[in-house]
Amino acid sequence: MKGKIIKGIAGFYYVHVPTDDRIYECKAKGIFRNQNIKPLVGDNVEIDTEDQPEGTGVITDILPRKNEIKRPAVANVDQAMVIFAAAEPDPNLNLLDRFLIMMQKQNIETIVCFNKKDIANQEEIRLLMDTYVNSGHKVLCISVLLQDGYSAVCDLLKGKTTVLAGPSGVGKSSLINLIKPEANIKTGEVSEKIKRGRHTTRHSELKVP
């Protein structure tokens, strides 16, 4: 059967098979490890469920990838959305620029999204948006807390496999929970002392529509 890896944790890969709209817990064949090939979230794969316990399978083949990103480790994406906070924490523009260069090398269109517009200085927001619009990127400025800009985000994500990336504390998990409440992803608070986020996302995962 053909399917797509939507989550990988501790050597187990969860493969969504669209023909029966089912998710199978799979291990990868040893040959991949011997060839130093690691299955990635987003990979289109062949799985074998014969002689396996109900709901499980073995990944027997990884189909050719159209692209691959190392961090976060995903494959076959249509676009990327990189989220930074406009304030608390202040945006690390060096990190943002490095990510944009990495995506450009992969020919992956990237949307720049600044969250927390409700607490940021409006002049600084305007400068950020002008800078990245003038560099040729789609740019959004939103407030997940106030659900301001939510519809614009949904319009850009519709029908696309999108990798969502950004540092801790910027609102990635909160945005996913807003778009897909059943995801129920753990969120954290920004440290009052250092104004940085606490790392809460520990694996890559695709959300099936």
N, C-alpha and C. Protein backbone atom coordinates (compact mmCIF):
# COMPACT_ATOMS: atom_id res chain seq x y z
N MET A 1 0.84 -1.19 0.00
CA MET A 1 0.00 0.00 0.00
C MET A 1 0.87 1.24 0.00
N LYS A 2 0.36 2.30 -0.64
CA LYS A 2 1.08 3.57 -0.64
C LYS A 2 0.47 4.51 0.40
N GLY A 3 1.32 5.25 1.06
CA GLY A 3 0.86 6.22 2.04
C GLY A 3 1.89 7.30 2.25
N LYS A 4 1.63 8.18 3.21
CA LYS A 4 2.53 9.28 3.52
C LYS A 4 2.84 9.27 5.01
N ILE A 5 4.12 9.40 5.35
CA ILE A 5 4.51 9.49 6.75
C ILE A 5 4.04 10.83 7.31
N ILE A 6 3.23 10.79 8.36
CA ILE A 6 2.74 12.03 8.96
C ILE A 6 3.36 12.30 10.32
N LYS A 7 4.04 11.30 10.90
CA LYS A 7 4.70 11.51 12.20
C LYS A 7 5.76 10.43 12.39
N GLY A 8 6.87 10.82 13.01
CA GLY A 8 7.90 9.86 13.34
C GLY A 8 8.42 10.10 14.74
N ILE A 9 8.37 9.07 15.59
CA ILE A 9 8.84 9.19 16.97
C ILE A 9 9.57 7.90 17.36
N ALA A 10 10.81 8.06 17.80
CA ALA A 10 11.58 6.95 18.38
C ALA A 10 11.60 5.71 17.50
N GLY A 11 11.80 5.89 16.20
CA GLY A 11 11.91 4.76 15.29
C GLY A 11 10.59 4.22 14.78
N PHE A 12 9.48 4.79 15.24
CA PHE A 12 8.16 4.40 14.72
C PHE A 12 7.67 5.50 13.79
N TYR A 13 7.07 5.09 12.67
CA TYR A 13 6.58 6.02 11.67
C TYR A 13 5.08 5.78 11.46
N TYR A 14 4.33 6.85 11.50
CA TYR A 14 2.88 6.75 11.38
C TYR A 14 2.48 7.17 9.97
N VAL A 15 1.97 6.19 9.22
CA VAL A 15 1.73 6.35 7.79
C VAL A 15 0.23 6.43 7.52
N HIS A 16 -0.17 7.55 6.90
CA HIS A 16 -1.58 7.71 6.51
C HIS A 16 -1.77 7.13 5.11
N VAL A 17 -2.69 6.17 5.01
CA VAL A 17 -3.02 5.55 3.72
C VAL A 17 -4.36 6.10 3.27
N PRO A 18 -4.37 6.91 2.20
CA PRO A 18 -5.62 7.58 1.80
C PRO A 18 -6.70 6.64 1.28
N THR A 19 -6.31 5.47 0.75
CA THR A 19 -7.32 4.57 0.17
C THR A 19 -8.32 4.08 1.20
N ASP A 20 -7.87 3.90 2.44
CA ASP A 20 -8.80 3.50 3.50
C ASP A 20 -8.85 4.52 4.64
N ASP A 21 -8.20 5.69 4.40
CA ASP A 21 -8.19 6.78 5.37
C ASP A 21 -7.83 6.26 6.76
N ARG A 22 -6.69 5.57 6.81
CA ARG A 22 -6.26 4.93 8.05
C ARG A 22 -4.80 5.22 8.30
N ILE A 23 -4.41 5.25 9.57
CA ILE A 23 -3.02 5.48 9.93
C ILE A 23 -2.43 4.19 10.49
N TYR A 24 -1.28 3.79 9.93
CA TYR A 24 -0.61 2.57 10.36
C TYR A 24 0.69 2.91 11.08
N GLU A 25 0.93 2.23 12.20
CA GLU A 25 2.20 2.38 12.91
C GLU A 25 3.22 1.44 12.28
N CYS A 26 4.30 2.01 11.77
CA CYS A 26 5.25 1.21 10.99
C CYS A 26 6.68 1.34 11.50
N LYS A 27 7.44 0.28 11.27
CA LYS A 27 8.89 0.32 11.41
C LYS A 27 9.47 0.30 10.00
N ALA A 28 10.69 0.81 9.86
CA ALA A 28 11.35 0.80 8.56
C ALA A 28 12.20 -0.46 8.42
N LYS A 29 12.30 -0.97 7.20
CA LYS A 29 13.16 -2.13 6.96
C LYS A 29 14.60 -1.78 7.30
N GLY A 30 15.33 -2.77 7.75
CA GLY A 30 16.72 -2.57 8.14
C GLY A 30 17.61 -2.08 7.02
N ILE A 31 17.21 -2.33 5.77
CA ILE A 31 18.04 -1.93 4.63
C ILE A 31 18.23 -0.42 4.58
N PHE A 32 17.23 0.34 5.05
CA PHE A 32 17.37 1.79 5.05
C PHE A 32 18.48 2.23 6.00
N ARG A 33 18.53 1.61 7.17
CA ARG A 33 19.57 1.94 8.14
C ARG A 33 20.95 1.57 7.58
N ASN A 34 21.04 0.40 6.91
CA ASN A 34 22.30 -0.03 6.33
C ASN A 34 22.77 0.92 5.24
N GLN A 35 21.83 1.56 4.55
CA GLN A 35 22.17 2.51 3.48
C GLN A 35 22.22 3.95 3.99
N ASN A 36 22.11 4.10 5.31
CA ASN A 36 22.14 5.43 5.95
C ASN A 36 21.04 6.34 5.41
N ILE A 37 19.87 5.75 5.21
CA ILE A 37 18.70 6.50 4.75
C ILE A 37 17.68 6.51 5.88
N LYS A 38 17.21 7.71 6.25
CA LYS A 38 16.22 7.82 7.31
C LYS A 38 14.90 8.30 6.73
N PRO A 39 13.81 7.57 6.95
CA PRO A 39 12.50 8.07 6.51
C PRO A 39 12.19 9.39 7.17
N LEU A 40 11.53 10.28 6.43
CA LEU A 40 11.19 11.61 6.95
C LEU A 40 9.69 11.82 6.92
N VAL A 41 9.21 12.65 7.83
CA VAL A 41 7.82 13.09 7.76
C VAL A 41 7.61 13.77 6.40
N GLY A 42 6.54 13.40 5.72
CA GLY A 42 6.27 13.90 4.38
C GLY A 42 6.66 12.93 3.29
N ASP A 43 7.45 11.90 3.62
CA ASP A 43 7.83 10.92 2.62
C ASP A 43 6.61 10.13 2.14
N ASN A 44 6.55 9.92 0.84
CA ASN A 44 5.59 8.98 0.26
C ASN A 44 6.24 7.61 0.25
N VAL A 45 5.56 6.63 0.82
CA VAL A 45 6.19 5.33 1.04
C VAL A 45 5.28 4.18 0.62
N GLU A 46 5.90 3.04 0.45
CA GLU A 46 5.18 1.77 0.29
C GLU A 46 5.28 1.03 1.61
N ILE A 47 4.14 0.49 2.07
CA ILE A 47 4.18 -0.29 3.30
C ILE A 47 3.58 -1.68 3.07
N ASP A 48 4.05 -2.63 3.86
CA ASP A 48 3.56 -4.01 3.80
C ASP A 48 2.90 -4.32 5.15
N THR A 49 1.64 -4.71 5.10
CA THR A 49 0.92 -5.01 6.34
C THR A 49 0.66 -6.52 6.50
N GLU A 50 1.10 -7.32 5.54
CA GLU A 50 0.89 -8.76 5.64
C GLU A 50 1.73 -9.34 6.78
N ASP A 51 1.13 -10.26 7.50
CA ASP A 51 1.78 -10.94 8.62
C ASP A 51 2.21 -9.98 9.72
N GLN A 52 1.55 -8.81 9.78
CA GLN A 52 1.82 -7.83 10.82
C GLN A 52 0.59 -7.69 11.72
N PRO A 53 0.78 -7.35 12.99
CA PRO A 53 -0.38 -7.12 13.86
C PRO A 53 -1.30 -6.06 13.28
N GLU A 54 -2.56 -6.13 13.64
CA GLU A 54 -3.57 -5.20 13.14
C GLU A 54 -3.14 -3.74 13.37
N GLY A 55 -3.22 -2.95 12.30
CA GLY A 55 -2.90 -1.54 12.42
C GLY A 55 -1.43 -1.21 12.33
N THR A 56 -0.59 -2.20 12.02
CA THR A 56 0.85 -1.97 11.91
C THR A 56 1.35 -2.43 10.55
N GLY A 57 2.58 -2.03 10.24
CA GLY A 57 3.16 -2.42 8.96
C GLY A 57 4.65 -2.18 8.95
N VAL A 58 5.24 -2.42 7.79
CA VAL A 58 6.68 -2.22 7.60
C VAL A 58 6.86 -1.35 6.35
N ILE A 59 7.67 -0.31 6.47
CA ILE A 59 7.99 0.52 5.32
C ILE A 59 9.00 -0.22 4.45
N THR A 60 8.60 -0.51 3.21
CA THR A 60 9.45 -1.29 2.31
C THR A 60 10.13 -0.44 1.25
N ASP A 61 9.60 0.77 0.98
CA ASP A 61 10.21 1.61 -0.05
C ASP A 61 9.87 3.08 0.24
N ILE A 62 10.83 3.94 -0.01
CA ILE A 62 10.63 5.38 0.08
C ILE A 62 10.66 5.93 -1.34
N LEU A 63 9.56 6.54 -1.77
CA LEU A 63 9.46 7.03 -3.13
C LEU A 63 10.30 8.31 -3.28
N PRO A 64 10.70 8.65 -4.51
CA PRO A 64 11.58 9.81 -4.73
C PRO A 64 11.02 11.09 -4.11
N ARG A 65 11.89 11.86 -3.49
CA ARG A 65 11.51 13.12 -2.85
C ARG A 65 11.67 14.29 -3.83
N LYS A 66 10.74 15.23 -3.79
CA LYS A 66 10.91 16.44 -4.61
C LYS A 66 11.76 17.47 -3.90
N ASN A 67 11.81 17.39 -2.56
CA ASN A 67 12.71 18.24 -1.78
C ASN A 67 12.85 17.64 -0.40
N GLU A 68 13.80 18.18 0.35
CA GLU A 68 14.09 17.67 1.70
C GLU A 68 14.66 18.79 2.54
N ILE A 69 14.16 18.93 3.76
CA ILE A 69 14.66 19.92 4.70
C ILE A 69 15.22 19.18 5.91
N LYS A 70 16.38 19.62 6.36
CA LYS A 70 17.01 18.95 7.49
C LYS A 70 16.47 19.41 8.83
N ARG A 71 16.10 20.69 8.92
CA ARG A 71 15.59 21.20 10.20
C ARG A 71 14.49 22.22 9.94
N PRO A 72 13.24 21.88 10.24
CA PRO A 72 12.78 20.58 10.73
C PRO A 72 12.92 19.51 9.65
N ALA A 73 13.08 18.26 10.06
CA ALA A 73 13.33 17.16 9.13
C ALA A 73 12.04 16.73 8.46
N VAL A 74 11.81 17.23 7.26
CA VAL A 74 10.61 16.91 6.50
C VAL A 74 10.95 16.82 5.02
N ALA A 75 10.05 16.23 4.25
CA ALA A 75 10.25 16.09 2.81
C ALA A 75 8.95 16.39 2.07
N ASN A 76 9.10 16.72 0.79
CA ASN A 76 7.96 16.87 -0.13
C ASN A 76 7.00 17.98 0.29
N VAL A 77 7.54 19.13 0.66
CA VAL A 77 6.67 20.24 1.04
C VAL A 77 6.46 21.16 -0.16
N ASP A 78 5.30 21.85 -0.16
CA ASP A 78 4.99 22.81 -1.22
C ASP A 78 5.50 24.20 -0.88
N GLN A 79 5.51 24.52 0.41
CA GLN A 79 5.92 25.85 0.84
C GLN A 79 6.31 25.79 2.31
N ALA A 80 6.93 26.86 2.78
CA ALA A 80 7.29 26.97 4.19
C ALA A 80 6.67 28.24 4.75
N MET A 81 6.27 28.19 6.01
CA MET A 81 5.87 29.39 6.74
C MET A 81 6.75 29.49 7.97
N VAL A 82 7.55 30.54 8.03
CA VAL A 82 8.44 30.73 9.17
C VAL A 82 7.84 31.79 10.07
N ILE A 83 7.65 31.43 11.33
CA ILE A 83 6.99 32.31 12.29
C ILE A 83 8.00 32.86 13.30
N PHE A 84 8.00 34.16 13.44
CA PHE A 84 8.79 34.83 14.47
C PHE A 84 7.85 35.75 15.23
N ALA A 85 8.15 36.00 16.48
CA ALA A 85 7.39 36.99 17.25
C ALA A 85 7.90 38.38 16.89
N ALA A 86 6.98 39.31 16.75
CA ALA A 86 7.38 40.70 16.54
C ALA A 86 7.89 41.32 17.84
N ALA A 87 7.56 40.67 18.97
CA ALA A 87 8.03 41.12 20.29
C ALA A 87 7.85 39.97 21.28
N GLU A 88 8.68 39.96 22.31
CA GLU A 88 8.58 38.97 23.41
C GLU A 88 8.49 37.53 22.90
N PRO A 89 9.57 36.98 22.38
CA PRO A 89 10.92 37.55 22.29
C PRO A 89 11.11 38.39 21.03
N ASP A 90 12.08 39.30 21.07
CA ASP A 90 12.41 40.09 19.89
C ASP A 90 12.87 39.17 18.76
N PRO A 91 12.52 39.49 17.52
CA PRO A 91 12.88 38.59 16.42
C PRO A 91 14.39 38.52 16.18
N ASN A 92 14.88 37.30 16.04
CA ASN A 92 16.29 37.07 15.69
C ASN A 92 16.38 37.09 14.17
N LEU A 93 16.67 38.24 13.61
CA LEU A 93 16.64 38.41 12.15
C LEU A 93 17.76 37.65 11.46
N ASN A 94 18.86 37.44 12.15
CA ASN A 94 19.94 36.63 11.58
C ASN A 94 19.48 35.19 11.38
N LEU A 95 18.78 34.66 12.36
CA LEU A 95 18.23 33.31 12.24
C LEU A 95 17.18 33.24 11.14
N LEU A 96 16.32 34.24 11.07
CA LEU A 96 15.30 34.29 10.02
C LEU A 96 15.95 34.33 8.64
N ASP A 97 16.96 35.15 8.46
CA ASP A 97 17.62 35.24 7.16
C ASP A 97 18.29 33.93 6.77
N ARG A 98 18.88 33.23 7.74
CA ARG A 98 19.50 31.93 7.45
C ARG A 98 18.46 30.93 6.97
N PHE A 99 17.30 30.94 7.62
CA PHE A 99 16.24 30.03 7.21
C PHE A 99 15.77 30.36 5.80
N LEU A 100 15.61 31.63 5.49
CA LEU A 100 15.16 32.02 4.15
C LEU A 100 16.16 31.61 3.07
N ILE A 101 17.43 31.74 3.38
CA ILE A 101 18.47 31.31 2.42
C ILE A 101 18.40 29.80 2.21
N MET A 102 18.20 29.06 3.30
CA MET A 102 18.10 27.60 3.20
C MET A 102 16.92 27.20 2.32
N MET A 103 15.78 27.86 2.50
CA MET A 103 14.60 27.54 1.70
C MET A 103 14.81 27.93 0.24
N GLN A 104 15.49 29.04 0.01
CA GLN A 104 15.76 29.48 -1.36
C GLN A 104 16.62 28.47 -2.10
N LYS A 105 17.60 27.88 -1.40
CA LYS A 105 18.45 26.86 -2.02
C LYS A 105 17.63 25.64 -2.44
N GLN A 106 16.54 25.37 -1.71
CA GLN A 106 15.68 24.23 -2.02
C GLN A 106 14.55 24.61 -2.99
N ASN A 107 14.53 25.87 -3.41
CA ASN A 107 13.46 26.38 -4.28
C ASN A 107 12.08 26.22 -3.65
N ILE A 108 12.03 26.45 -2.34
CA ILE A 108 10.76 26.35 -1.62
C ILE A 108 10.28 27.76 -1.29
N GLU A 109 9.10 28.09 -1.78
CA GLU A 109 8.53 29.40 -1.49
C GLU A 109 8.28 29.54 0.01
N THR A 110 8.63 30.70 0.55
CA THR A 110 8.54 30.88 2.01
C THR A 110 7.70 32.10 2.35
N ILE A 111 6.78 31.90 3.30
CA ILE A 111 5.95 32.98 3.84
C ILE A 111 6.55 33.38 5.19
N VAL A 112 6.77 34.68 5.38
CA VAL A 112 7.27 35.19 6.64
C VAL A 112 6.08 35.68 7.46
N CYS A 113 5.96 35.17 8.67
CA CYS A 113 4.81 35.52 9.52
C CYS A 113 5.31 36.04 10.86
N PHE A 114 4.95 37.28 11.17
CA PHE A 114 5.29 37.86 12.47
C PHE A 114 4.04 37.83 13.36
N ASN A 115 4.17 37.16 14.50
CA ASN A 115 3.06 37.03 15.45
C ASN A 115 3.20 38.07 16.56
N LYS A 116 2.18 38.19 17.36
CA LYS A 116 2.13 39.07 18.54
C LYS A 116 2.10 40.55 18.15
N LYS A 117 1.41 40.86 17.06
CA LYS A 117 1.30 42.26 16.66
C LYS A 117 0.58 43.11 17.71
N ASP A 118 -0.19 42.44 18.58
CA ASP A 118 -0.95 43.17 19.60
C ASP A 118 -0.06 43.78 20.68
N ILE A 119 1.18 43.28 20.82
CA ILE A 119 2.06 43.80 21.87
C ILE A 119 3.32 44.46 21.30
N ALA A 120 3.42 44.50 19.97
CA ALA A 120 4.63 45.04 19.35
C ALA A 120 4.46 46.51 19.00
N ASN A 121 5.58 47.19 18.88
CA ASN A 121 5.60 48.58 18.44
C ASN A 121 5.21 48.64 16.96
N GLN A 122 4.24 49.44 16.63
CA GLN A 122 3.70 49.46 15.28
C GLN A 122 4.72 49.96 14.25
N GLU A 123 5.58 50.87 14.64
CA GLU A 123 6.61 51.34 13.71
C GLU A 123 7.62 50.24 13.41
N GLU A 124 7.96 49.47 14.43
CA GLU A 124 8.89 48.36 14.23
C GLU A 124 8.26 47.29 13.34
N ILE A 125 6.96 47.05 13.52
CA ILE A 125 6.26 46.09 12.65
C ILE A 125 6.30 46.55 11.20
N ARG A 126 6.04 47.84 10.97
CA ARG A 126 6.04 48.35 9.61
C ARG A 126 7.41 48.18 8.97
N LEU A 127 8.48 48.44 9.74
CA LEU A 127 9.83 48.30 9.23
C LEU A 127 10.14 46.84 8.88
N LEU A 128 9.74 45.92 9.77
CA LEU A 128 9.95 44.49 9.51
C LEU A 128 9.24 44.05 8.23
N MET A 129 7.99 44.43 8.11
CA MET A 129 7.21 44.01 6.95
C MET A 129 7.77 44.60 5.66
N ASP A 130 8.12 45.87 5.68
CA ASP A 130 8.68 46.50 4.48
C ASP A 130 9.99 45.83 4.06
N THR A 131 10.82 45.49 5.05
CA THR A 131 12.12 44.87 4.75
C THR A 131 11.94 43.55 4.00
N TYR A 132 11.03 42.71 4.48
CA TYR A 132 10.91 41.38 3.88
C TYR A 132 10.00 41.36 2.66
N VAL A 133 9.06 42.28 2.58
CA VAL A 133 8.28 42.42 1.34
C VAL A 133 9.20 42.87 0.21
N ASN A 134 10.08 43.83 0.49
CA ASN A 134 11.00 44.33 -0.52
C ASN A 134 12.04 43.30 -0.94
N SER A 135 12.23 42.27 -0.11
CA SER A 135 13.16 41.20 -0.49
C SER A 135 12.46 40.09 -1.25
N GLY A 136 11.16 40.29 -1.54
CA GLY A 136 10.45 39.37 -2.41
C GLY A 136 9.63 38.29 -1.73
N HIS A 137 9.38 38.43 -0.43
CA HIS A 137 8.65 37.41 0.30
C HIS A 137 7.21 37.85 0.60
N LYS A 138 6.33 36.87 0.71
CA LYS A 138 5.01 37.14 1.26
C LYS A 138 5.16 37.34 2.77
N VAL A 139 4.55 38.37 3.31
CA VAL A 139 4.72 38.67 4.72
C VAL A 139 3.35 38.90 5.37
N LEU A 140 3.16 38.26 6.52
CA LEU A 140 1.95 38.46 7.31
C LEU A 140 2.34 38.99 8.68
N CYS A 141 1.48 39.77 9.27
CA CYS A 141 1.65 40.17 10.65
C CYS A 141 0.33 39.87 11.36
N ILE A 142 0.38 39.00 12.37
CA ILE A 142 -0.84 38.47 12.97
C ILE A 142 -0.78 38.54 14.49
N SER A 143 -1.92 38.26 15.10
CA SER A 143 -2.00 38.04 16.54
C SER A 143 -2.81 36.77 16.75
N VAL A 144 -2.13 35.69 17.10
CA VAL A 144 -2.84 34.44 17.37
C VAL A 144 -3.78 34.62 18.55
N LEU A 145 -3.33 35.37 19.56
CA LEU A 145 -4.14 35.59 20.76
C LEU A 145 -5.48 36.23 20.42
N LEU A 146 -5.46 37.22 19.53
CA LEU A 146 -6.69 37.93 19.15
C LEU A 146 -7.34 37.36 17.89
N GLN A 147 -6.71 36.32 17.32
CA GLN A 147 -7.17 35.72 16.06
C GLN A 147 -7.22 36.75 14.94
N ASP A 148 -6.33 37.70 15.00
CA ASP A 148 -6.20 38.74 13.98
C ASP A 148 -5.24 38.23 12.90
N GLY A 149 -5.73 38.14 11.65
CA GLY A 149 -4.92 37.61 10.57
C GLY A 149 -5.11 36.13 10.33
N TYR A 150 -5.97 35.50 11.13
CA TYR A 150 -6.20 34.05 11.05
C TYR A 150 -6.68 33.64 9.66
N SER A 151 -7.63 34.37 9.08
CA SER A 151 -8.18 33.99 7.77
C SER A 151 -7.13 34.10 6.68
N ALA A 152 -6.24 35.10 6.78
CA ALA A 152 -5.17 35.25 5.79
C ALA A 152 -4.21 34.07 5.84
N VAL A 153 -3.92 33.60 7.05
CA VAL A 153 -3.06 32.41 7.19
C VAL A 153 -3.73 31.21 6.55
N CYS A 154 -5.00 30.99 6.86
CA CYS A 154 -5.72 29.84 6.31
C CYS A 154 -5.76 29.87 4.79
N ASP A 155 -5.94 31.05 4.21
CA ASP A 155 -5.98 31.17 2.75
C ASP A 155 -4.65 30.74 2.13
N LEU A 156 -3.53 31.10 2.77
CA LEU A 156 -2.23 30.75 2.23
C LEU A 156 -1.89 29.27 2.42
N LEU A 157 -2.47 28.65 3.44
CA LEU A 157 -2.19 27.23 3.72
C LEU A 157 -3.09 26.29 2.92
N LYS A 158 -4.21 26.79 2.45
CA LYS A 158 -5.22 25.94 1.81
C LYS A 158 -4.64 25.18 0.61
N GLY A 159 -4.78 23.86 0.63
CA GLY A 159 -4.35 23.02 -0.48
C GLY A 159 -2.86 22.85 -0.61
N LYS A 160 -2.09 23.26 0.39
CA LYS A 160 -0.63 23.18 0.34
C LYS A 160 -0.10 22.35 1.50
N THR A 161 0.95 21.58 1.21
CA THR A 161 1.71 20.94 2.28
C THR A 161 2.75 21.95 2.73
N THR A 162 2.58 22.45 3.96
CA THR A 162 3.39 23.57 4.44
C THR A 162 4.19 23.16 5.66
N VAL A 163 5.48 23.46 5.65
CA VAL A 163 6.29 23.24 6.84
C VAL A 163 6.26 24.53 7.66
N LEU A 164 5.97 24.37 8.94
CA LEU A 164 5.89 25.50 9.87
C LEU A 164 7.12 25.47 10.76
N ALA A 165 7.86 26.57 10.77
CA ALA A 165 9.11 26.58 11.52
C ALA A 165 9.29 27.93 12.21
N GLY A 166 10.20 27.95 13.18
CA GLY A 166 10.49 29.18 13.91
C GLY A 166 10.99 28.83 15.30
N PRO A 167 11.57 29.79 16.00
CA PRO A 167 12.11 29.53 17.33
C PRO A 167 11.02 29.31 18.37
N SER A 168 11.43 28.91 19.56
CA SER A 168 10.49 28.67 20.65
C SER A 168 9.87 29.97 21.13
N GLY A 169 8.62 29.89 21.55
CA GLY A 169 7.97 31.02 22.17
C GLY A 169 7.33 32.01 21.24
N VAL A 170 7.27 31.68 19.93
CA VAL A 170 6.74 32.66 18.97
C VAL A 170 5.27 32.41 18.63
N GLY A 171 4.73 31.24 19.04
CA GLY A 171 3.32 30.98 18.82
C GLY A 171 3.01 29.92 17.78
N LYS A 172 3.99 29.08 17.42
CA LYS A 172 3.75 28.04 16.42
C LYS A 172 2.67 27.06 16.88
N SER A 173 2.84 26.54 18.08
CA SER A 173 1.88 25.56 18.59
C SER A 173 0.50 26.18 18.78
N SER A 174 0.47 27.43 19.25
CA SER A 174 -0.81 28.11 19.44
C SER A 174 -1.53 28.30 18.10
N LEU A 175 -0.76 28.62 17.06
CA LEU A 175 -1.37 28.79 15.73
C LEU A 175 -1.93 27.48 15.21
N ILE A 176 -1.18 26.38 15.39
CA ILE A 176 -1.68 25.08 14.95
C ILE A 176 -2.95 24.71 15.70
N ASN A 177 -2.97 24.95 16.99
CA ASN A 177 -4.17 24.64 17.79
C ASN A 177 -5.36 25.50 17.36
N LEU A 178 -5.09 26.71 16.90
CA LEU A 178 -6.17 27.58 16.41
C LEU A 178 -6.73 27.06 15.10
N ILE A 179 -5.82 26.63 14.21
CA ILE A 179 -6.25 26.13 12.89
C ILE A 179 -6.91 24.75 13.02
N LYS A 180 -6.31 23.91 13.86
CA LYS A 180 -6.79 22.53 14.02
C LYS A 180 -6.88 22.19 15.50
N PRO A 181 -7.98 22.58 16.17
CA PRO A 181 -8.08 22.43 17.62
C PRO A 181 -7.87 21.01 18.13
N GLU A 182 -8.26 20.02 17.32
CA GLU A 182 -8.11 18.63 17.77
C GLU A 182 -6.64 18.21 17.89
N ALA A 183 -5.73 19.00 17.32
CA ALA A 183 -4.31 18.69 17.45
C ALA A 183 -3.86 18.76 18.92
N ASN A 184 -4.42 19.72 19.66
CA ASN A 184 -4.17 19.84 21.11
C ASN A 184 -2.68 19.77 21.43
N ILE A 185 -1.89 20.58 20.73
CA ILE A 185 -0.45 20.59 20.94
C ILE A 185 -0.11 21.37 22.19
N LYS A 186 0.83 20.85 22.96
CA LYS A 186 1.25 21.51 24.19
C LYS A 186 1.87 22.86 23.87
N THR A 187 1.51 23.88 24.63
CA THR A 187 2.10 25.20 24.48
C THR A 187 2.80 25.61 25.77
N GLY A 188 3.74 26.54 25.63
CA GLY A 188 4.48 27.02 26.80
C GLY A 188 4.43 28.52 26.88
N GLU A 189 4.91 29.05 27.99
CA GLU A 189 4.95 30.49 28.18
C GLU A 189 6.36 31.01 27.98
N VAL A 190 6.45 32.28 27.63
CA VAL A 190 7.75 32.93 27.51
C VAL A 190 8.28 33.24 28.90
N SER A 191 9.56 32.94 29.12
CA SER A 191 10.19 33.22 30.41
C SER A 191 10.16 34.72 30.70
N GLU A 192 9.69 35.08 31.90
CA GLU A 192 9.66 36.49 32.28
C GLU A 192 11.07 37.05 32.45
N LYS A 193 12.02 36.20 32.81
CA LYS A 193 13.38 36.66 33.09
C LYS A 193 14.16 36.94 31.81
N ILE A 194 14.15 35.98 30.87
CA ILE A 194 14.98 36.13 29.67
C ILE A 194 14.18 36.40 28.42
N LYS A 195 12.83 36.44 28.54
CA LYS A 195 11.95 36.73 27.41
C LYS A 195 12.18 35.78 26.24
N ARG A 196 12.38 34.51 26.56
CA ARG A 196 12.53 33.49 25.53
C ARG A 196 11.52 32.38 25.78
N GLY A 197 11.20 31.66 24.70
CA GLY A 197 10.25 30.57 24.83
C GLY A 197 10.89 29.31 25.38
N ARG A 198 10.03 28.45 25.90
CA ARG A 198 10.47 27.13 26.34
C ARG A 198 10.11 26.12 25.26
N HIS A 199 11.07 25.25 24.93
CA HIS A 199 10.88 24.31 23.83
C HIS A 199 9.78 23.30 24.16
N THR A 200 8.72 23.26 23.34
CA THR A 200 7.62 22.32 23.60
C THR A 200 7.38 21.37 22.43
N THR A 201 7.88 21.69 21.24
CA THR A 201 7.65 20.84 20.06
C THR A 201 8.86 19.94 19.87
N ARG A 202 8.65 18.63 20.00
CA ARG A 202 9.79 17.70 20.01
C ARG A 202 9.80 16.74 18.83
N HIS A 203 8.90 16.88 17.90
CA HIS A 203 8.92 16.04 16.71
C HIS A 203 8.20 16.75 15.58
N SER A 204 8.48 16.28 14.34
CA SER A 204 7.80 16.82 13.18
C SER A 204 6.52 16.01 12.95
N GLU A 205 5.49 16.69 12.48
CA GLU A 205 4.22 16.00 12.25
C GLU A 205 3.41 16.73 11.20
N LEU A 206 2.78 15.95 10.30
CA LEU A 206 1.85 16.51 9.33
C LEU A 206 0.43 16.34 9.87
N LYS A 207 -0.39 17.34 9.64
CA LYS A 207 -1.80 17.26 10.01
C LYS A 207 -2.60 16.89 8.76
N VAL A 208 -3.34 15.78 8.85
CA VAL A 208 -4.15 15.32 7.72
C VAL A 208 -5.44 16.13 7.69
N PRO A 209 -5.80 16.72 6.53
CA PRO A 209 -7.05 17.50 6.46
C PRO A 209 -8.26 16.68 6.82
